[in-house]
Amino acid sequence: MARPIWNGTLSFGLLNIPVALMPGERRIDLHFRMLDSRDKAPVRYERVNADTGEEVPWKDIVKAFEYSKGNYVVLEPDDIRDAAPQSKESVDVEAFIEASQIGPAYFEKPYVLVPGKKAEKGYVLLRETLRDAGKIGIGRVVIRTREYLCAVMPQGDALMLILLRYPQELIDVQDYRIPEGKLSDYRISSQEMDMASQLIASMEANWKPDQYKDEFRQRLSDVIKKRMKANKVSHRPEDELEDAAVPENAATNVVDFMSLLKQSLATNKRTPPKANKSGSAAKGSDSAAGKTSKKAAVKSAGKAAQGKGKTAGSKSAGKAVKSAATGKKAAKKTTNAATKTTTNKSAGSSGSGSRKRATSNKKAA
């Protein structure tokens, strides 16, 4: 099972259901690499300065918005960080609407909401209520650093979260030349309408998604396997995804649902109270401050330890130098003693020889 995008809550009114946001799609596209046909070496894409042609390291790259041709405004990392929404672990449902009111063009990307530990009651309650009423929840969710419009709807035993496109992201169909008017304007007869209806009825079937396959990908995969077999290339098995169950320490939801539902109806709250958000922000600030203090303490302790290490190293080095100097002096004394002894021996030998020559000369005389 894939890893969760995040663990948080599904909130509507005063109710909060712990959930894990899981991927709802699988990318199966075949990806290709560009190779040099001469030696089959991979071709790299480099970040190159358009004026100098030199490669630019990541540390020198900044983000900028081109407001006109060749004119840019540079954004600092703090600018982007400050613009990002604060809430990152909550799906805030703001309204419930008829499912038929949203056109297919608005739906973008599916996710699966998995209930947290001991959150099954609230999960099932919301799922079955939406199913019976034929409604879907419309809210907002923050994934990584961007806030999305989303829809929460039941599908089988699961609650699906579908990312929605904002109206500004859609092109109005009126911008195109779309046929308008009555059937008679296009000379469509009633007999043609009847024949078209019969054709559609004859092709009517139940939706069975398993019978639809990506045939192009399958044919291309077969070609790749044949090439690998012909070249005797052993393919590496795909890495298995680790199970990503909801953490044991996830927030539980043992609450009085009847009481919260009554309060929500009485106060007509569509989203969690602002105090909760500010409280969360304050909590986050305190947590951040605590982390900063902890980092500072660890850093100071590290410096102190480093200083002690340096002092200990200096003392050890001093002892080593002193020991070396002592050894050097001892060696020098030994050398001097040996030299003195040799000199004395030489002097003694020389004196003895002189005495012998003197005695010989006396006898001769």
Protein backbone atom coordinates (compact mmCIF):
# COMPACT_ATOMS: atom_id res chain seq x y z
CA MET A 1 0.00 0.00 0.00
CA ALA A 2 1.26 3.47 -0.82
CA ARG A 3 2.34 5.99 1.78
CA PRO A 4 -0.17 8.60 2.99
CA ILE A 5 0.17 12.15 1.70
CA TRP A 6 -0.56 13.33 5.23
CA ASN A 7 -2.48 12.35 8.36
CA GLY A 8 -5.04 14.88 9.54
CA THR A 9 -8.76 15.45 10.01
CA LEU A 10 -11.91 15.73 7.93
CA SER A 11 -13.85 18.63 9.49
CA PHE A 12 -17.44 19.76 9.01
CA GLY A 13 -19.41 21.74 11.55
CA LEU A 14 -17.93 20.86 14.92
CA LEU A 15 -17.07 17.30 13.94
CA ASN A 16 -13.50 16.22 13.20
CA ILE A 17 -12.78 12.77 11.77
CA PRO A 18 -9.12 11.63 11.81
CA VAL A 19 -8.19 10.45 8.32
CA ALA A 20 -5.17 9.62 6.19
CA LEU A 21 -5.03 11.08 2.68
CA MET A 22 -3.97 8.30 0.30
CA PRO A 23 -3.22 8.42 -3.45
CA GLY A 24 -6.20 7.51 -5.60
CA GLU A 25 -4.42 7.08 -8.94
CA ARG A 26 -1.46 5.14 -10.32
CA ARG A 27 0.79 6.54 -13.04
CA ILE A 28 1.53 3.84 -15.59
CA ASP A 29 3.15 5.94 -18.31
CA LEU A 30 6.33 4.57 -19.87
CA HIS A 31 9.24 6.93 -19.35
CA PHE A 32 12.14 7.10 -21.80
CA ARG A 33 15.70 8.43 -21.51
CA MET A 34 17.53 10.37 -24.19
CA LEU A 35 20.79 8.67 -25.30
CA ASP A 36 23.66 9.69 -27.54
CA SER A 37 23.33 7.41 -30.58
CA ARG A 38 27.14 7.21 -30.94
CA ASP A 39 28.00 5.66 -27.57
CA LYS A 40 24.56 5.19 -25.92
CA ALA A 41 25.51 7.53 -23.08
CA PRO A 42 22.60 9.32 -21.31
CA VAL A 43 22.01 12.92 -22.32
CA ARG A 44 21.78 15.33 -19.36
CA TYR A 45 19.73 18.48 -19.13
CA GLU A 46 21.76 21.30 -17.65
CA ARG A 47 20.82 24.63 -16.11
CA VAL A 48 22.62 27.04 -18.42
CA ASN A 49 22.84 30.84 -18.32
CA ALA A 50 21.14 32.09 -21.49
CA ASP A 51 23.71 34.90 -21.93
CA THR A 52 27.02 33.26 -20.99
CA GLY A 53 26.24 29.61 -21.78
CA GLU A 54 27.74 28.56 -18.42
CA GLU A 55 26.06 26.04 -16.12
CA VAL A 56 24.34 27.63 -13.11
CA PRO A 57 24.47 25.83 -9.71
CA TRP A 58 21.26 25.41 -7.75
CA LYS A 59 22.43 27.79 -5.02
CA ASP A 60 22.51 30.67 -7.51
CA ILE A 61 19.03 30.04 -8.93
CA VAL A 62 16.10 32.18 -7.78
CA LYS A 63 12.41 32.22 -8.71
CA ALA A 64 11.03 35.17 -10.63
CA PHE A 65 7.82 36.19 -12.35
CA GLU A 66 8.02 37.53 -15.90
CA TYR A 67 5.44 40.33 -15.91
CA SER A 68 6.42 41.42 -19.43
CA LYS A 69 8.80 40.24 -22.12
CA GLY A 70 12.31 40.22 -20.60
CA ASN A 71 11.22 41.95 -17.36
CA TYR A 72 11.17 39.99 -14.12
CA VAL A 73 10.36 40.47 -10.45
CA VAL A 74 12.39 38.19 -8.17
CA LEU A 75 10.63 36.44 -5.28
CA GLU A 76 12.43 35.50 -2.09
CA PRO A 77 11.84 32.11 -0.44
CA ASP A 78 10.13 33.90 2.46
CA ASP A 79 7.66 35.51 0.05
CA ILE A 80 6.47 32.12 -1.17
CA ARG A 81 6.49 30.67 2.34
CA ASP A 82 4.40 33.52 3.74
CA ALA A 83 1.86 33.22 0.92
CA ALA A 84 1.38 29.51 1.60
CA PRO A 85 -1.72 28.63 3.68
CA GLN A 86 -1.23 27.76 7.35
CA SER A 87 -3.50 24.71 7.69
CA LYS A 88 -1.83 21.60 6.30
CA GLU A 89 -3.56 18.69 7.99
CA SER A 90 -7.27 19.29 7.60
CA VAL A 91 -10.00 18.93 5.01
CA ASP A 92 -12.41 21.76 5.87
CA VAL A 93 -15.83 21.08 4.37
CA GLU A 94 -17.67 24.38 3.87
CA ALA A 95 -20.93 23.26 2.22
CA PHE A 96 -22.87 20.23 0.98
CA ILE A 97 -24.39 20.39 -2.52
CA GLU A 98 -26.16 18.16 -5.04
CA ALA A 99 -23.66 15.93 -6.82
CA SER A 100 -25.23 16.72 -10.20
CA GLN A 101 -24.44 20.43 -9.85
CA ILE A 102 -20.72 19.98 -10.56
CA GLY A 103 -19.75 19.48 -14.20
CA PRO A 104 -17.15 16.85 -15.16
CA ALA A 105 -14.63 19.52 -16.20
CA TYR A 106 -14.15 20.52 -12.56
CA PHE A 107 -12.90 17.11 -11.40
CA GLU A 108 -9.13 16.81 -11.56
CA LYS A 109 -7.41 14.23 -9.31
CA PRO A 110 -8.71 11.52 -6.95
CA TYR A 111 -7.55 10.62 -3.45
CA VAL A 112 -8.87 8.13 -0.90
CA LEU A 113 -9.69 9.14 2.67
CA VAL A 114 -8.83 6.33 5.11
CA PRO A 115 -10.21 6.57 8.66
CA GLY A 116 -7.76 6.91 11.53
CA LYS A 117 -7.65 4.73 14.60
CA LYS A 118 -11.06 4.56 16.33
CA ALA A 119 -12.51 6.99 13.79
CA GLU A 120 -14.68 4.46 11.96
CA LYS A 121 -17.97 5.67 13.50
CA GLY A 122 -17.67 9.25 12.26
CA TYR A 123 -16.36 8.02 8.90
CA VAL A 124 -19.30 5.68 8.32
CA LEU A 125 -21.79 8.26 9.61
CA LEU A 126 -20.65 10.87 7.08
CA ARG A 127 -20.40 8.35 4.24
CA GLU A 128 -23.92 6.97 4.67
CA THR A 129 -25.47 10.40 5.25
CA LEU A 130 -23.97 11.70 2.01
CA ARG A 131 -25.11 8.61 0.14
CA ASP A 132 -28.70 8.84 1.40
CA ALA A 133 -28.95 12.57 0.69
CA GLY A 134 -27.25 12.40 -2.71
CA LYS A 135 -24.90 15.18 -1.62
CA ILE A 136 -21.18 15.81 -1.79
CA GLY A 137 -19.09 18.01 0.47
CA ILE A 138 -17.21 20.98 -0.95
CA GLY A 139 -14.20 22.22 0.98
CA ARG A 140 -10.52 23.12 0.92
CA VAL A 141 -7.40 21.08 1.54
CA VAL A 142 -3.71 21.98 1.62
CA ILE A 143 -1.39 19.46 -0.02
CA ARG A 144 2.26 20.31 0.51
CA THR A 145 2.27 24.09 -0.02
CA ARG A 146 -0.79 24.69 -2.19
CA GLU A 147 -4.43 25.03 -1.24
CA TYR A 148 -6.94 23.15 -3.41
CA LEU A 149 -10.68 23.16 -3.81
CA CYS A 150 -11.98 19.63 -3.21
CA ALA A 151 -15.08 17.47 -3.13
CA VAL A 152 -15.74 14.70 -0.59
CA MET A 153 -18.06 11.99 -1.90
CA PRO A 154 -18.91 8.35 -1.13
CA GLN A 155 -17.78 5.59 -3.45
CA GLY A 156 -18.59 2.08 -2.31
CA ASP A 157 -17.34 1.74 1.25
CA ALA A 158 -14.85 4.59 0.89
CA LEU A 159 -14.91 8.36 1.07
CA MET A 160 -13.15 9.84 -1.93
CA LEU A 161 -11.53 13.26 -1.99
CA ILE A 162 -11.45 14.69 -5.51
CA LEU A 163 -9.38 17.79 -6.23
CA LEU A 164 -11.41 20.34 -8.16
CA ARG A 165 -10.30 22.94 -10.66
CA TYR A 166 -11.05 26.55 -9.82
CA PRO A 167 -13.41 28.31 -12.26
CA GLN A 168 -10.50 30.51 -13.35
CA GLU A 169 -8.69 27.39 -14.58
CA LEU A 170 -11.50 26.45 -16.99
CA ILE A 171 -12.10 27.94 -20.40
CA ASP A 172 -15.66 29.05 -20.94
CA VAL A 173 -17.23 26.99 -23.73
CA GLN A 174 -18.77 30.20 -25.01
CA ASP A 175 -15.27 31.22 -26.14
CA TYR A 176 -15.58 28.60 -28.90
CA ARG A 177 -17.95 28.26 -31.81
CA ILE A 178 -20.54 25.90 -30.34
CA PRO A 179 -23.74 25.09 -32.32
CA GLU A 180 -26.77 26.70 -30.71
CA GLY A 181 -30.47 26.88 -31.54
CA LYS A 182 -33.22 24.42 -32.46
CA LEU A 183 -32.94 21.08 -34.27
CA SER A 184 -34.72 22.56 -37.25
CA ASP A 185 -31.92 25.10 -37.63
CA TYR A 186 -29.64 22.20 -38.58
CA ARG A 187 -32.27 20.26 -40.57
CA ILE A 188 -32.40 17.37 -38.10
CA SER A 189 -35.58 15.37 -38.64
CA SER A 190 -37.54 13.40 -36.07
CA GLN A 191 -36.72 10.16 -37.94
CA GLU A 192 -32.98 10.86 -37.52
CA MET A 193 -33.51 11.49 -33.82
CA ASP A 194 -35.38 8.18 -33.49
CA MET A 195 -32.66 6.26 -35.35
CA ALA A 196 -29.95 7.84 -33.18
CA SER A 197 -31.89 6.95 -30.02
CA GLN A 198 -32.26 3.31 -31.18
CA LEU A 199 -28.52 3.12 -31.90
CA ILE A 200 -27.67 4.42 -28.45
CA ALA A 201 -30.13 1.97 -26.84
CA SER A 202 -28.58 -0.95 -28.76
CA MET A 203 -25.11 -0.03 -27.43
CA GLU A 204 -26.25 0.46 -23.84
CA ALA A 205 -24.13 -1.36 -21.25
CA ASN A 206 -23.09 -1.25 -17.60
CA TRP A 207 -19.92 0.53 -16.62
CA LYS A 208 -17.16 -2.10 -16.26
CA PRO A 209 -13.84 -0.24 -15.99
CA ASP A 210 -11.79 -3.46 -15.89
CA GLN A 211 -12.55 -4.17 -19.53
CA TYR A 212 -10.79 -1.00 -20.68
CA LYS A 213 -7.02 -1.31 -21.03
CA ASP A 214 -4.26 1.00 -22.19
CA GLU A 215 -3.53 -0.98 -25.37
CA PHE A 216 -0.80 1.34 -26.63
CA ARG A 217 1.16 0.92 -23.38
CA GLN A 218 0.69 -2.85 -23.49
CA ARG A 219 1.99 -3.12 -27.06
CA LEU A 220 4.95 -0.89 -26.25
CA SER A 221 5.73 -2.94 -23.12
CA ASP A 222 5.73 -6.13 -25.22
CA VAL A 223 8.21 -4.57 -27.65
CA ILE A 224 10.50 -3.56 -24.76
CA LYS A 225 10.39 -7.06 -23.29
CA LYS A 226 11.27 -8.61 -26.65
CA ARG A 227 14.22 -6.25 -27.06
CA MET A 228 15.43 -7.05 -23.54
CA LYS A 229 15.12 -10.78 -24.19
CA ALA A 230 16.97 -10.51 -27.50
CA ASN A 231 19.80 -8.58 -25.83
CA LYS A 232 19.78 -10.96 -22.85
CA VAL A 233 19.17 -8.13 -20.39
CA SER A 234 17.91 -9.08 -16.95
CA HIS A 235 15.32 -6.59 -15.75
CA ARG A 236 15.25 -5.46 -12.16
CA PRO A 237 11.98 -6.12 -10.29
CA GLU A 238 10.07 -3.05 -9.21
CA ASP A 239 10.58 -1.92 -5.64
CA GLU A 240 7.67 -2.92 -3.49
CA LEU A 241 5.93 -0.08 -1.71
CA GLU A 242 5.92 -0.39 2.05
CA ASP A 243 2.66 -0.66 3.87
CA ALA A 244 1.55 2.70 5.17
CA ALA A 245 -1.03 2.05 7.80
CA VAL A 246 -2.43 4.85 9.87
CA PRO A 247 0.00 5.48 12.78
CA GLU A 248 -0.89 3.98 16.13
CA ASN A 249 -0.64 7.39 17.76
CA ALA A 250 -3.14 8.99 15.36
CA ALA A 251 -5.80 11.11 16.98
CA THR A 252 -8.85 9.18 18.10
CA ASN A 253 -12.42 10.31 17.68
CA VAL A 254 -14.27 8.90 20.69
CA VAL A 255 -16.83 11.70 20.95
CA ASP A 256 -20.52 12.25 21.48
CA PHE A 257 -21.65 12.64 17.86
CA MET A 258 -25.22 13.50 18.80
CA SER A 259 -24.07 16.41 20.96
CA LEU A 260 -21.72 17.76 18.28
CA LEU A 261 -24.36 17.45 15.59
CA LYS A 262 -26.86 19.37 17.73
CA GLN A 263 -24.30 22.09 18.44
CA SER A 264 -23.41 22.35 14.75
CA LEU A 265 -27.07 22.75 13.82
CA ALA A 266 -27.65 25.31 16.57
CA THR A 267 -24.60 27.43 15.72
CA ASN A 268 -24.87 26.85 11.95
CA LYS A 269 -21.09 26.42 11.77
CA ARG A 270 -19.81 25.44 8.35
CA THR A 271 -16.11 25.32 9.22
CA PRO A 272 -14.20 24.77 12.46
CA PRO A 273 -14.11 27.85 14.73
CA LYS A 274 -11.41 30.40 13.96
CA ALA A 275 -10.11 30.02 17.50
CA ASN A 276 -9.10 26.47 16.70
CA LYS A 277 -7.05 27.64 13.74
CA SER A 278 -5.41 30.43 15.70
CA GLY A 279 -4.86 28.03 18.56
CA SER A 280 -3.23 25.63 16.16
CA ALA A 281 -1.13 28.46 14.78
CA ALA A 282 -0.13 29.49 18.30
CA LYS A 283 0.65 25.92 19.13
CA GLY A 284 2.71 25.68 15.98
CA SER A 285 4.51 28.90 16.94
CA ASP A 286 5.21 27.59 20.44
CA SER A 287 6.37 24.32 18.95
CA ALA A 288 8.58 26.18 16.50
CA ALA A 289 9.97 28.33 19.33
CA GLY A 290 10.60 25.22 21.39
CA LYS A 291 12.37 23.59 18.48
CA THR A 292 14.45 26.73 17.95
CA SER A 293 15.42 26.84 21.64
CA LYS A 294 16.23 23.16 21.56
CA LYS A 295 18.37 23.62 18.45
CA ALA A 296 20.16 26.55 20.09
CA ALA A 297 20.81 24.50 23.23
CA VAL A 298 22.09 21.57 21.22
CA LYS A 299 24.27 23.92 19.17
CA SER A 300 25.70 25.54 22.33
CA ALA A 301 26.33 22.15 23.86
CA GLY A 302 28.04 21.09 20.66
CA LYS A 303 30.27 24.15 20.69
CA ALA A 304 31.12 23.57 24.36
CA ALA A 305 31.95 19.96 23.66
CA GLN A 306 34.01 21.03 20.69
CA GLY A 307 35.85 23.57 22.86
CA LYS A 308 36.53 20.91 25.49
CA GLY A 309 37.72 18.61 22.78
CA LYS A 310 40.06 21.29 21.50
CA THR A 311 41.35 21.97 25.06
CA ALA A 312 41.87 18.28 25.67
CA GLY A 313 43.58 18.01 22.31
CA SER A 314 45.84 20.96 23.15
CA LYS A 315 46.77 19.39 26.51
CA SER A 316 47.48 16.05 24.86
CA ALA A 317 49.53 17.77 22.19
CA GLY A 318 51.47 19.68 24.87
CA LYS A 319 52.19 16.47 26.73
CA ALA A 320 53.32 14.81 23.52
CA VAL A 321 55.64 17.72 22.70
CA LYS A 322 57.02 17.74 26.25
CA SER A 323 57.59 13.99 26.12
CA ALA A 324 59.30 14.30 22.77
CA ALA A 325 61.53 17.08 24.11
CA THR A 326 62.44 14.97 27.16
CA GLY A 327 63.28 12.02 24.92
CA LYS A 328 65.38 14.26 22.72
CA LYS A 329 67.33 15.55 25.72
CA ALA A 330 67.90 12.00 26.97
CA ALA A 331 69.10 10.91 23.55
CA LYS A 332 71.43 13.92 23.41
CA LYS A 333 72.90 13.05 26.83
CA THR A 334 73.43 9.47 25.74
CA THR A 335 75.13 10.60 22.56
CA ASN A 336 77.36 13.02 24.46
CA ALA A 337 78.27 10.33 26.96
CA ALA A 338 79.14 7.90 24.20
CA THR A 339 81.23 10.53 22.44
CA LYS A 340 83.07 11.39 25.68
CA THR A 341 83.81 7.75 26.35
CA THR A 342 85.17 7.24 22.85
CA THR A 343 87.31 10.36 23.16
CA ASN A 344 88.72 9.19 26.48
CA LYS A 345 89.52 5.79 25.04
CA SER A 346 91.24 7.39 22.10
CA ALA A 347 93.20 9.69 24.38
CA GLY A 348 94.19 6.75 26.58
CA SER A 349 95.38 4.75 23.62
CA SER A 350 97.37 7.71 22.31
CA GLY A 351 99.11 8.25 25.72
CA SER A 352 100.07 4.59 26.03
CA GLY A 353 101.63 4.66 22.61
CA SER A 354 103.70 7.73 23.46
CA ARG A 355 105.03 6.13 26.66
CA LYS A 356 106.04 2.99 24.78
CA ARG A 357 107.96 5.00 22.18
CA ALA A 358 109.75 6.96 24.91
CA THR A 359 110.93 3.74 26.67
CA SER A 360 112.18 2.27 23.40
CA ASN A 361 114.20 5.42 22.63
CA LYS A 362 115.74 5.37 26.15
CA LYS A 363 116.89 1.77 25.73
CA ALA A 364 118.39 2.51 22.39
CA ALA A 365 120.36 5.37 23.85
